[in-house]
Amino acid sequence: LGQMGYFDERDPAVKRIIAHLIRVAHENGCTVSICGEGPSNLPDFTEFLVRVGIDSISVNNDAVVATAKLVASIEQKIILERLAEQAALASGRPVKKPKSDWEWTL
């Protein structure tokens, strides 16, 4: 859709600015919320938002339960990844984190 001129919140440039805004807002003591169809229709976008620290997500009534379950599963996944990383570090194994498409590159 992006090539046809439609907005796509999963575009790396859009994700970079969202991640930047969340970080800067948190550094300045602000909470960050998002609303719209993206978080309820695009699980990968929801995971991105959770990973970059979104504070709350507003979705339509029919998507509340599914989105809440998705967010909980993403948070659990993050916790397990961090535990695995700590275990690897404790055992002396190197830990390599994959670079995301939204991270800044200089």
PDB file of N, CA and C in Angstrom:
ATOM      1  N   LEU A   1       0.810  -1.205   0.000  1.00  0.00           N
ATOM      2  CA  LEU A   1       0.000   0.000   0.000  1.00  0.00           C
ATOM      3  C   LEU A   1       0.846   1.258   0.000  1.00  0.00           C
ATOM      4  N   GLY A   2       1.990   1.202   0.672  1.00  0.00           N
ATOM      5  CA  GLY A   2       2.845   2.375   0.740  1.00  0.00           C
ATOM      6  C   GLY A   2       3.279   2.869  -0.630  1.00  0.00           C
ATOM      7  N   GLN A   3       3.499   1.944  -1.550  1.00  0.00           N
ATOM      8  CA  GLN A   3       3.912   2.325  -2.898  1.00  0.00           C
ATOM      9  C   GLN A   3       2.788   3.017  -3.657  1.00  0.00           C
ATOM     10  N   MET A   4       1.546   2.809  -3.226  1.00  0.00           N
ATOM     11  CA  MET A   4       0.401   3.430  -3.888  1.00  0.00           C
ATOM     12  C   MET A   4       0.016   4.747  -3.224  1.00  0.00           C
ATOM     13  N   GLY A   5       0.819   5.201  -2.281  1.00  0.00           N
ATOM     14  CA  GLY A   5       0.549   6.478  -1.643  1.00  0.00           C
ATOM     15  C   GLY A   5      -0.246   6.386  -0.355  1.00  0.00           C
ATOM     16  N   TYR A   6      -0.527   5.168   0.107  1.00  0.00           N
ATOM     17  CA  TYR A   6      -1.266   5.000   1.346  1.00  0.00           C
ATOM     18  C   TYR A   6      -0.306   4.947   2.531  1.00  0.00           C
ATOM     19  N   PHE A   7      -0.776   5.403   3.661  1.00  0.00           N
ATOM     20  CA  PHE A   7       0.011   5.398   4.888  1.00  0.00           C
ATOM     21  C   PHE A   7       0.147   3.975   5.404  1.00  0.00           C
ATOM     22  N   ASP A   8       1.320   3.609   5.845  1.00  0.00           N
ATOM     23  CA  ASP A   8       1.551   2.307   6.468  1.00  0.00           C
ATOM     24  C   ASP A   8       2.373   2.532   7.727  1.00  0.00           C
ATOM     25  N   GLU A   9       1.741   2.315   8.881  1.00  0.00           N
ATOM     26  CA  GLU A   9       2.425   2.553  10.152  1.00  0.00           C
ATOM     27  C   GLU A   9       3.575   1.596  10.383  1.00  0.00           C
ATOM     28  N   ARG A  10       3.700   0.563   9.568  1.00  0.00           N
ATOM     29  CA  ARG A  10       4.813  -0.377   9.710  1.00  0.00           C
ATOM     30  C   ARG A  10       6.038   0.032   8.906  1.00  0.00           C
ATOM     31  N   ASP A  11       5.959   1.127   8.194  1.00  0.00           N
ATOM     32  CA  ASP A  11       7.105   1.628   7.440  1.00  0.00           C
ATOM     33  C   ASP A  11       8.233   1.931   8.426  1.00  0.00           C
ATOM     34  N   PRO A  12       9.468   1.517   8.137  1.00  0.00           N
ATOM     35  CA  PRO A  12      10.572   1.749   9.072  1.00  0.00           C
ATOM     36  C   PRO A  12      10.742   3.211   9.484  1.00  0.00           C
ATOM     37  N   ALA A  13      10.512   4.144   8.583  1.00  0.00           N
ATOM     38  CA  ALA A  13      10.656   5.564   8.935  1.00  0.00           C
ATOM     39  C   ALA A  13       9.602   5.982   9.950  1.00  0.00           C
ATOM     40  N   VAL A  14       8.387   5.487   9.787  1.00  0.00           N
ATOM     41  CA  VAL A  14       7.312   5.802  10.734  1.00  0.00           C
ATOM     42  C   VAL A  14       7.630   5.177  12.086  1.00  0.00           C
ATOM     43  N   LYS A  15       8.096   3.935  12.070  1.00  0.00           N
ATOM     44  CA  LYS A  15       8.433   3.265  13.320  1.00  0.00           C
ATOM     45  C   LYS A  15       9.589   3.959  14.032  1.00  0.00           C
ATOM     46  N   ARG A  16      10.557   4.454  13.271  1.00  0.00           N
ATOM     47  CA  ARG A  16      11.680   5.172  13.896  1.00  0.00           C
ATOM     48  C   ARG A  16      11.190   6.413  14.627  1.00  0.00           C
ATOM     49  N   ILE A  17      10.307   7.182  14.005  1.00  0.00           N
ATOM     50  CA  ILE A  17       9.859   8.412  14.651  1.00  0.00           C
ATOM     51  C   ILE A  17       8.959   8.102  15.840  1.00  0.00           C
ATOM     52  N   ILE A  18       8.142   7.058  15.751  1.00  0.00           N
ATOM     53  CA  ILE A  18       7.315   6.668  16.900  1.00  0.00           C
ATOM     54  C   ILE A  18       8.213   6.257  18.062  1.00  0.00           C
ATOM     55  N   ALA A  19       9.226   5.434  17.795  1.00  0.00           N
ATOM     56  CA  ALA A  19      10.153   5.007  18.850  1.00  0.00           C
ATOM     57  C   ALA A  19      10.856   6.207  19.461  1.00  0.00           C
ATOM     58  N   HIS A  20      11.275   7.141  18.623  1.00  0.00           N
ATOM     59  CA  HIS A  20      11.947   8.356  19.101  1.00  0.00           C
ATOM     60  C   HIS A  20      11.005   9.182  19.980  1.00  0.00           C
ATOM     61  N   LEU A  21       9.782   9.374  19.536  1.00  0.00           N
ATOM     62  CA  LEU A  21       8.820  10.163  20.313  1.00  0.00           C
ATOM     63  C   LEU A  21       8.528   9.525  21.665  1.00  0.00           C
ATOM     64  N   ILE A  22       8.389   8.203  21.687  1.00  0.00           N
ATOM     65  CA  ILE A  22       8.136   7.509  22.954  1.00  0.00           C
ATOM     66  C   ILE A  22       9.320   7.696  23.900  1.00  0.00           C
ATOM     67  N   ARG A  23      10.531   7.527  23.382  1.00  0.00           N
ATOM     68  CA  ARG A  23      11.725   7.678  24.221  1.00  0.00           C
ATOM     69  C   ARG A  23      11.825   9.088  24.790  1.00  0.00           C
ATOM     70  N   VAL A  24      11.660  10.095  23.942  1.00  0.00           N
ATOM     71  CA  VAL A  24      11.772  11.487  24.387  1.00  0.00           C
ATOM     72  C   VAL A  24      10.656  11.831  25.374  1.00  0.00           C
ATOM     73  N   ALA A  25       9.454  11.365  25.107  1.00  0.00           N
ATOM     74  CA  ALA A  25       8.346  11.621  26.032  1.00  0.00           C
ATOM     75  C   ALA A  25       8.643  11.019  27.398  1.00  0.00           C
ATOM     76  N   HIS A  26       9.124   9.786  27.430  1.00  0.00           N
ATOM     77  CA  HIS A  26       9.451   9.135  28.701  1.00  0.00           C
ATOM     78  C   HIS A  26      10.589   9.854  29.420  1.00  0.00           C
ATOM     79  N   GLU A  27      11.579  10.319  28.666  1.00  0.00           N
ATOM     80  CA  GLU A  27      12.681  11.069  29.280  1.00  0.00           C
ATOM     81  C   GLU A  27      12.184  12.347  29.943  1.00  0.00           C
ATOM     82  N   ASN A  28      11.068  12.863  29.471  1.00  0.00           N
ATOM     83  CA  ASN A  28      10.499  14.094  30.012  1.00  0.00           C
ATOM     84  C   ASN A  28       9.295  13.843  30.908  1.00  0.00           C
ATOM     85  N   GLY A  29       9.135  12.607  31.368  1.00  0.00           N
ATOM     86  CA  GLY A  29       8.100  12.273  32.332  1.00  0.00           C
ATOM     87  C   GLY A  29       6.692  12.189  31.779  1.00  0.00           C
ATOM     88  N   CYS A  30       6.552  12.037  30.491  1.00  0.00           N
ATOM     89  CA  CYS A  30       5.222  11.958  29.875  1.00  0.00           C
ATOM     90  C   CYS A  30       4.868  10.510  29.545  1.00  0.00           C
ATOM     91  N   THR A  31       3.596  10.181  29.705  1.00  0.00           N
ATOM     92  CA  THR A  31       3.121   8.882  29.253  1.00  0.00           C
ATOM     93  C   THR A  31       2.722   8.996  27.789  1.00  0.00           C
ATOM     94  N   VAL A  32       2.752   7.876  27.104  1.00  0.00           N
ATOM     95  CA  VAL A  32       2.446   7.869  25.676  1.00  0.00           C
ATOM     96  C   VAL A  32       1.369   6.829  25.397  1.00  0.00           C
ATOM     97  N   SER A  33       0.314   7.278  24.750  1.00  0.00           N
ATOM     98  CA  SER A  33      -0.783   6.400  24.360  1.00  0.00           C
ATOM     99  C   SER A  33      -0.973   6.493  22.857  1.00  0.00           C
ATOM    100  N   ILE A  34      -1.561   5.465  22.292  1.00  0.00           N
ATOM    101  CA  ILE A  34      -1.842   5.474  20.857  1.00  0.00           C
ATOM    102  C   ILE A  34      -3.225   4.883  20.632  1.00  0.00           C
ATOM    103  N   CYS A  35      -3.905   5.409  19.638  1.00  0.00           N
ATOM    104  CA  CYS A  35      -5.194   4.845  19.261  1.00  0.00           C
ATOM    105  C   CYS A  35      -5.211   4.668  17.752  1.00  0.00           C
ATOM    106  N   GLY A  36      -6.141   3.903  17.286  1.00  0.00           N
ATOM    107  CA  GLY A  36      -6.259   3.674  15.856  1.00  0.00           C
ATOM    108  C   GLY A  36      -6.397   2.199  15.548  1.00  0.00           C
ATOM    109  N   GLU A  37      -6.533   1.906  14.295  1.00  0.00           N
ATOM    110  CA  GLU A  37      -6.742   0.531  13.851  1.00  0.00           C
ATOM    111  C   GLU A  37      -5.460  -0.299  13.862  1.00  0.00           C
ATOM    112  N   GLY A  38      -4.315   0.355  13.722  1.00  0.00           N
ATOM    113  CA  GLY A  38      -3.050  -0.371  13.630  1.00  0.00           C
ATOM    114  C   GLY A  38      -2.828  -1.390  14.730  1.00  0.00           C
ATOM    115  N   PRO A  39      -2.889  -0.977  15.992  1.00  0.00           N
ATOM    116  CA  PRO A  39      -2.612  -1.936  17.062  1.00  0.00           C
ATOM    117  C   PRO A  39      -3.591  -3.109  17.118  1.00  0.00           C
ATOM    118  N   SER A  40      -4.839  -2.897  16.713  1.00  0.00           N
ATOM    119  CA  SER A  40      -5.800  -3.997  16.782  1.00  0.00           C
ATOM    120  C   SER A  40      -5.777  -4.873  15.536  1.00  0.00           C
ATOM    121  N   ASN A  41      -5.295  -4.351  14.421  1.00  0.00           N
ATOM    122  CA  ASN A  41      -5.301  -5.118  13.172  1.00  0.00           C
ATOM    123  C   ASN A  41      -3.945  -5.685  12.781  1.00  0.00           C
ATOM    124  N   LEU A  42      -2.882  -5.160  13.354  1.00  0.00           N
ATOM    125  CA  LEU A  42      -1.532  -5.545  12.937  1.00  0.00           C
ATOM    126  C   LEU A  42      -0.724  -6.027  14.140  1.00  0.00           C
ATOM    127  N   PRO A  43      -0.731  -7.327  14.424  1.00  0.00           N
ATOM    128  CA  PRO A  43      -0.013  -7.841  15.591  1.00  0.00           C
ATOM    129  C   PRO A  43       1.465  -7.464  15.615  1.00  0.00           C
ATOM    130  N   ASP A  44       2.110  -7.408  14.458  1.00  0.00           N
ATOM    131  CA  ASP A  44       3.529  -7.044  14.437  1.00  0.00           C
ATOM    132  C   ASP A  44       3.726  -5.587  14.839  1.00  0.00           C
ATOM    133  N   PHE A  45       2.780  -4.727  14.505  1.00  0.00           N
ATOM    134  CA  PHE A  45       2.858  -3.327  14.914  1.00  0.00           C
ATOM    135  C   PHE A  45       2.619  -3.207  16.419  1.00  0.00           C
ATOM    136  N   THR A  46       1.692  -4.000  16.938  1.00  0.00           N
ATOM    137  CA  THR A  46       1.452  -4.019  18.384  1.00  0.00           C
ATOM    138  C   THR A  46       2.712  -4.459  19.120  1.00  0.00           C
ATOM    139  N   GLU A  47       3.374  -5.485  18.611  1.00  0.00           N
ATOM    140  CA  GLU A  47       4.615  -5.945  19.250  1.00  0.00           C
ATOM    141  C   GLU A  47       5.671  -4.848  19.227  1.00  0.00           C
ATOM    142  N   PHE A  48       5.796  -4.168  18.115  1.00  0.00           N
ATOM    143  CA  PHE A  48       6.727  -3.044  18.024  1.00  0.00           C
ATOM    144  C   PHE A  48       6.418  -2.013  19.110  1.00  0.00           C
ATOM    145  N   LEU A  49       5.148  -1.630  19.247  1.00  0.00           N
ATOM    146  CA  LEU A  49       4.763  -0.615  20.233  1.00  0.00           C
ATOM    147  C   LEU A  49       5.119  -1.048  21.652  1.00  0.00           C
ATOM    148  N   VAL A  50       4.838  -2.303  21.974  1.00  0.00           N
ATOM    149  CA  VAL A  50       5.152  -2.806  23.315  1.00  0.00           C
ATOM    150  C   VAL A  50       6.664  -2.794  23.532  1.00  0.00           C
ATOM    151  N   ARG A  51       7.418  -3.222  22.545  1.00  0.00           N
ATOM    152  CA  ARG A  51       8.874  -3.281  22.682  1.00  0.00           C
ATOM    153  C   ARG A  51       9.509  -1.901  22.844  1.00  0.00           C
ATOM    154  N   VAL A  52       8.918  -0.874  22.246  1.00  0.00           N
ATOM    155  CA  VAL A  52       9.499   0.463  22.381  1.00  0.00           C
ATOM    156  C   VAL A  52       8.925   1.214  23.575  1.00  0.00           C
ATOM    157  N   GLY A  53       8.017   0.596  24.328  1.00  0.00           N
ATOM    158  CA  GLY A  53       7.592   1.165  25.594  1.00  0.00           C
ATOM    159  C   GLY A  53       6.311   1.963  25.606  1.00  0.00           C
ATOM    160  N   ILE A  54       5.412   1.716  24.671  1.00  0.00           N
ATOM    161  CA  ILE A  54       4.132   2.428  24.696  1.00  0.00           C
ATOM    162  C   ILE A  54       3.463   2.184  26.050  1.00  0.00           C
ATOM    163  N   ASP A  55       2.815   3.193  26.593  1.00  0.00           N
ATOM    164  CA  ASP A  55       2.180   3.062  27.908  1.00  0.00           C
ATOM    165  C   ASP A  55       0.762   2.519  27.821  1.00  0.00           C
ATOM    166  N   SER A  56       0.030   2.890  26.785  1.00  0.00           N
ATOM    167  CA  SER A  56      -1.322   2.363  26.620  1.00  0.00           C
ATOM    168  C   SER A  56      -1.718   2.374  25.154  1.00  0.00           C
ATOM    169  N   ILE A  57      -2.628   1.459  24.838  1.00  0.00           N
ATOM    170  CA  ILE A  57      -3.131   1.316  23.477  1.00  0.00           C
ATOM    171  C   ILE A  57      -4.647   1.359  23.545  1.00  0.00           C
ATOM    172  N   SER A  58      -5.247   2.217  22.760  1.00  0.00           N
ATOM    173  CA  SER A  58      -6.702   2.316  22.688  1.00  0.00           C
ATOM    174  C   SER A  58      -7.177   1.595  21.431  1.00  0.00           C
ATOM    175  N   VAL A  59      -8.124   0.687  21.604  1.00  0.00           N
ATOM    176  CA  VAL A  59      -8.656  -0.066  20.464  1.00  0.00           C
ATOM    177  C   VAL A  59     -10.179  -0.068  20.518  1.00  0.00           C
ATOM    178  N   ASN A  60     -10.806  -0.482  19.422  1.00  0.00           N
ATOM    179  CA  ASN A  60     -12.261  -0.605  19.382  1.00  0.00           C
ATOM    180  C   ASN A  60     -12.725  -1.677  20.359  1.00  0.00           C
ATOM    181  N   ASN A  61     -13.988  -1.559  20.790  1.00  0.00           N
ATOM    182  CA  ASN A  61     -14.545  -2.499  21.766  1.00  0.00           C
ATOM    183  C   ASN A  61     -14.380  -3.952  21.346  1.00  0.00           C
ATOM    184  N   ASP A  62     -14.575  -4.238  20.072  1.00  0.00           N
ATOM    185  CA  ASP A  62     -14.514  -5.624  19.616  1.00  0.00           C
ATOM    186  C   ASP A  62     -13.089  -6.186  19.589  1.00  0.00           C
ATOM    187  N   ALA A  63     -12.097  -5.346  19.811  1.00  0.00           N
ATOM    188  CA  ALA A  63     -10.703  -5.795  19.765  1.00  0.00           C
ATOM    189  C   ALA A  63     -10.020  -5.781  21.129  1.00  0.00           C
ATOM    190  N   VAL A  64     -10.730  -5.381  22.171  1.00  0.00           N
ATOM    191  CA  VAL A  64     -10.104  -5.220  23.490  1.00  0.00           C
ATOM    192  C   VAL A  64      -9.522  -6.535  24.005  1.00  0.00           C
ATOM    193  N   VAL A  65     -10.319  -7.587  24.025  1.00  0.00           N
ATOM    194  CA  VAL A  65      -9.862  -8.852  24.603  1.00  0.00           C
ATOM    195  C   VAL A  65      -8.692  -9.425  23.803  1.00  0.00           C
ATOM    196  N   ALA A  66      -8.832  -9.465  22.489  1.00  0.00           N
ATOM    197  CA  ALA A  66      -7.758 -10.026  21.655  1.00  0.00           C
ATOM    198  C   ALA A  66      -6.476  -9.211  21.785  1.00  0.00           C
ATOM    199  N   THR A  67      -6.603  -7.892  21.822  1.00  0.00           N
ATOM    200  CA  THR A  67      -5.413  -7.042  21.926  1.00  0.00           C
ATOM    201  C   THR A  67      -4.767  -7.178  23.299  1.00  0.00           C
ATOM    202  N   ALA A  68      -5.575  -7.262  24.347  1.00  0.00           N
ATOM    203  CA  ALA A  68      -5.029  -7.446  25.697  1.00  0.00           C
ATOM    204  C   ALA A  68      -4.268  -8.769  25.795  1.00  0.00           C
ATOM    205  N   LYS A  69      -4.826  -9.820  25.204  1.00  0.00           N
ATOM    206  CA  LYS A  69      -4.134 -11.116  25.201  1.00  0.00           C
ATOM    207  C   LYS A  69      -2.833 -11.035  24.406  1.00  0.00           C
ATOM    208  N   LEU A  70      -2.879 -10.334  23.284  1.00  0.00           N
ATOM    209  CA  LEU A  70      -1.679 -10.173  22.464  1.00  0.00           C
ATOM    210  C   LEU A  70      -0.594  -9.424  23.228  1.00  0.00           C
ATOM    211  N   VAL A  71      -0.966  -8.322  23.872  1.00  0.00           N
ATOM    212  CA  VAL A  71       0.009  -7.537  24.638  1.00  0.00           C
ATOM    213  C   VAL A  71       0.610  -8.390  25.757  1.00  0.00           C
ATOM    214  N   ALA A  72      -0.234  -9.155  26.448  1.00  0.00           N
ATOM    215  CA  ALA A  72       0.269 -10.018  27.523  1.00  0.00           C
ATOM    216  C   ALA A  72       1.253 -11.051  26.981  1.00  0.00           C
ATOM    217  N   SER A  73       0.954 -11.627  25.814  1.00  0.00           N
ATOM    218  CA  SER A  73       1.863 -12.630  25.247  1.00  0.00           C
ATOM    219  C   SER A  73       3.178 -11.994  24.796  1.00  0.00           C
ATOM    220  N   ILE A  74       3.108 -10.774  24.288  1.00  0.00           N
ATOM    221  CA  ILE A  74       4.329 -10.066  23.880  1.00  0.00           C
ATOM    222  C   ILE A  74       5.180  -9.745  25.103  1.00  0.00           C
ATOM    223  N   GLU A  75       4.546  -9.277  26.166  1.00  0.00           N
ATOM    224  CA  GLU A  75       5.293  -8.969  27.393  1.00  0.00           C
ATOM    225  C   GLU A  75       5.946 -10.220  27.960  1.00  0.00           C
ATOM    226  N   GLN A  76       5.232 -11.345  27.916  1.00  0.00           N
ATOM    227  CA  GLN A  76       5.805 -12.603  28.386  1.00  0.00           C
ATOM    228  C   GLN A  76       7.002 -12.998  27.518  1.00  0.00           C
ATOM    229  N   LYS A  77       6.869 -12.835  26.224  1.00  0.00           N
ATOM    230  CA  LYS A  77       7.955 -13.138  25.290  1.00  0.00           C
ATOM    231  C   LYS A  77       9.192 -12.293  25.599  1.00  0.00           C
ATOM    232  N   ILE A  78       8.988 -11.013  25.888  1.00  0.00           N
ATOM    233  CA  ILE A  78      10.096 -10.112  26.211  1.00  0.00           C
ATOM    234  C   ILE A  78      10.787 -10.556  27.498  1.00  0.00           C
ATOM    235  N   ILE A  79      10.005 -10.917  28.495  1.00  0.00           N
ATOM    236  CA  ILE A  79      10.568 -11.385  29.768  1.00  0.00           C
ATOM    237  C   ILE A  79      11.411 -12.639  29.540  1.00  0.00           C
ATOM    238  N   LEU A  80      10.888 -13.585  28.762  1.00  0.00           N
ATOM    239  CA  LEU A  80      11.634 -14.816  28.490  1.00  0.00           C
ATOM    240  C   LEU A  80      12.916 -14.534  27.707  1.00  0.00           C
ATOM    241  N   GLU A  81      12.859 -13.598  26.768  1.00  0.00           N
ATOM    242  CA  GLU A  81      14.067 -13.223  26.023  1.00  0.00           C
ATOM    243  C   GLU A  81      15.118 -12.626  26.951  1.00  0.00           C
ATOM    244  N   ARG A  82      14.683 -11.792  27.871  1.00  0.00           N
ATOM    245  CA  ARG A  82      15.632 -11.174  28.810  1.00  0.00           C
ATOM    246  C   ARG A  82      16.231 -12.200  29.757  1.00  0.00           C
ATOM    247  N   LEU A  83      15.417 -13.160  30.195  1.00  0.00           N
ATOM    248  CA  LEU A  83      15.941 -14.225  31.052  1.00  0.00           C
ATOM    249  C   LEU A  83      16.964 -15.075  30.299  1.00  0.00           C
ATOM    250  N   ALA A  84      16.675 -15.390  29.047  1.00  0.00           N
ATOM    251  CA  ALA A  84      17.618 -16.171  28.236  1.00  0.00           C
ATOM    252  C   ALA A  84      18.910 -15.392  28.024  1.00  0.00           C
ATOM    253  N   GLU A  85      18.786 -14.090  27.826  1.00  0.00           N
ATOM    254  CA  GLU A  85      19.968 -13.241  27.652  1.00  0.00           C
ATOM    255  C   GLU A  85      20.811 -13.222  28.925  1.00  0.00           C
ATOM    256  N   GLN A  86      20.158 -13.101  30.079  1.00  0.00           N
ATOM    257  CA  GLN A  86      20.886 -13.102  31.351  1.00  0.00           C
ATOM    258  C   GLN A  86      21.575 -14.440  31.586  1.00  0.00           C
ATOM    259  N   ALA A  87      20.891 -15.531  31.241  1.00  0.00           N
ATOM    260  CA  ALA A  87      21.487 -16.859  31.406  1.00  0.00           C
ATOM    261  C   ALA A  87      22.702 -17.014  30.499  1.00  0.00           C
ATOM    262  N   ALA A  88      22.604 -16.515  29.281  1.00  0.00           N
ATOM    263  CA  ALA A  88      23.736 -16.596  28.352  1.00  0.00           C
ATOM    264  C   ALA A  88      24.916 -15.787  28.871  1.00  0.00           C
ATOM    265  N   LEU A  89      24.644 -14.591  29.361  1.00  0.00           N
ATOM    266  CA  LEU A  89      25.715 -13.753  29.904  1.00  0.00           C
ATOM    267  C   LEU A  89      26.361 -14.404  31.119  1.00  0.00           C
ATOM    268  N   ALA A  90      25.539 -15.001  31.982  1.00  0.00           N
ATOM    269  CA  ALA A  90      26.057 -15.639  33.191  1.00  0.00           C
ATOM    270  C   ALA A  90      26.939 -16.839  32.855  1.00  0.00           C
ATOM    271  N   SER A  91      26.641 -17.503  31.744  1.00  0.00           N
ATOM    272  CA  SER A  91      27.435 -18.676  31.362  1.00  0.00           C
ATOM    273  C   SER A  91      28.614 -18.312  30.467  1.00  0.00           C
ATOM    274  N   GLY A  92      28.760 -17.029  30.167  1.00  0.00           N
ATOM    275  CA  GLY A  92      29.878 -16.582  29.355  1.00  0.00           C
ATOM    276  C   GLY A  92      29.653 -16.671  27.858  1.00  0.00           C
ATOM    277  N   ARG A  93      28.451 -17.065  27.449  1.00  0.00           N
ATOM    278  CA  ARG A  93      28.156 -17.131  26.015  1.00  0.00           C
ATOM    279  C   ARG A  93      27.878 -15.728  25.486  1.00  0.00           C
ATOM    280  N   PRO A  94      28.312 -15.440  24.279  1.00  0.00           N
ATOM    281  CA  PRO A  94      28.027 -14.116  23.713  1.00  0.00           C
ATOM    282  C   PRO A  94      26.542 -13.977  23.384  1.00  0.00           C
ATOM    283  N   VAL A  95      26.057 -12.773  23.521  1.00  0.00           N
ATOM    284  CA  VAL A  95      24.660 -12.484  23.224  1.00  0.00           C
ATOM    285  C   VAL A  95      24.625 -11.502  22.066  1.00  0.00           C
ATOM    286  N   LYS A  96      23.959 -11.893  21.015  1.00  0.00           N
ATOM    287  CA  LYS A  96      23.836 -11.013  19.854  1.00  0.00           C
ATOM    288  C   LYS A  96      22.361 -10.690  19.655  1.00  0.00           C
ATOM    289  N   LYS A  97      22.063  -9.399  19.720  1.00  0.00           N
ATOM    290  CA  LYS A  97      20.688  -8.975  19.515  1.00  0.00           C
ATOM    291  C   LYS A  97      20.494  -8.595  18.050  1.00  0.00           C
ATOM    292  N   PRO A  98      19.419  -9.090  17.441  1.00  0.00           N
ATOM    293  CA  PRO A  98      19.167  -8.689  16.053  1.00  0.00           C
ATOM    294  C   PRO A  98      18.760  -7.220  15.981  1.00  0.00           C
ATOM    295  N   LYS A  99      19.174  -6.550  14.939  1.00  0.00           N
ATOM    296  CA  LYS A  99      18.818  -5.146  14.753  1.00  0.00           C
ATOM    297  C   LYS A  99      17.434  -5.075  14.129  1.00  0.00           C
ATOM    298  N   SER A 100      16.603  -4.219  14.668  1.00  0.00           N
ATOM    299  CA  SER A 100      15.258  -4.039  14.146  1.00  0.00           C
ATOM    300  C   SER A 100      15.262  -3.036  13.012  1.00  0.00           C
ATOM    301  N   ASP A 101      14.267  -3.116  12.154  1.00  0.00           N
ATOM    302  CA  ASP A 101      14.209  -2.207  11.010  1.00  0.00           C
ATOM    303  C   ASP A 101      13.924  -0.766  11.412  1.00  0.00           C
ATOM    304  N   TRP A 102      13.485  -0.551  12.644  1.00  0.00           N
ATOM    305  CA  TRP A 102      13.143   0.800  13.078  1.00  0.00           C
ATOM    306  C   TRP A 102      14.258   1.477  13.859  1.00  0.00           C
ATOM    307  N   GLU A 103      15.320   0.764  14.179  1.00  0.00           N
ATOM    308  CA  GLU A 103      16.396   1.369  14.959  1.00  0.00           C
ATOM    309  C   GLU A 103      17.197   2.340  14.102  1.00  0.00           C
ATOM    310  N   TRP A 104      17.662   3.397  14.736  1.00  0.00           N
ATOM    311  CA  TRP A 104      18.451   4.410  14.031  1.00  0.00           C
ATOM    312  C   TRP A 104      19.780   3.830  13.607  1.00  0.00           C
ATOM    313  N   THR A 105      20.196   4.149  12.411  1.00  0.00           N
ATOM    314  CA  THR A 105      21.523   3.769  11.946  1.00  0.00           C
ATOM    315  C   THR A 105      22.262   5.037  11.553  1.00  0.00           C
ATOM    316  N   LEU A 106      23.493   5.137  11.987  1.00  0.00           N
ATOM    317  CA  LEU A 106      24.300   6.319  11.674  1.00  0.00           C
ATOM    318  C   LEU A 106      25.472   5.933  10.809  1.00  0.00           C
TER     319      LEU A 106
END
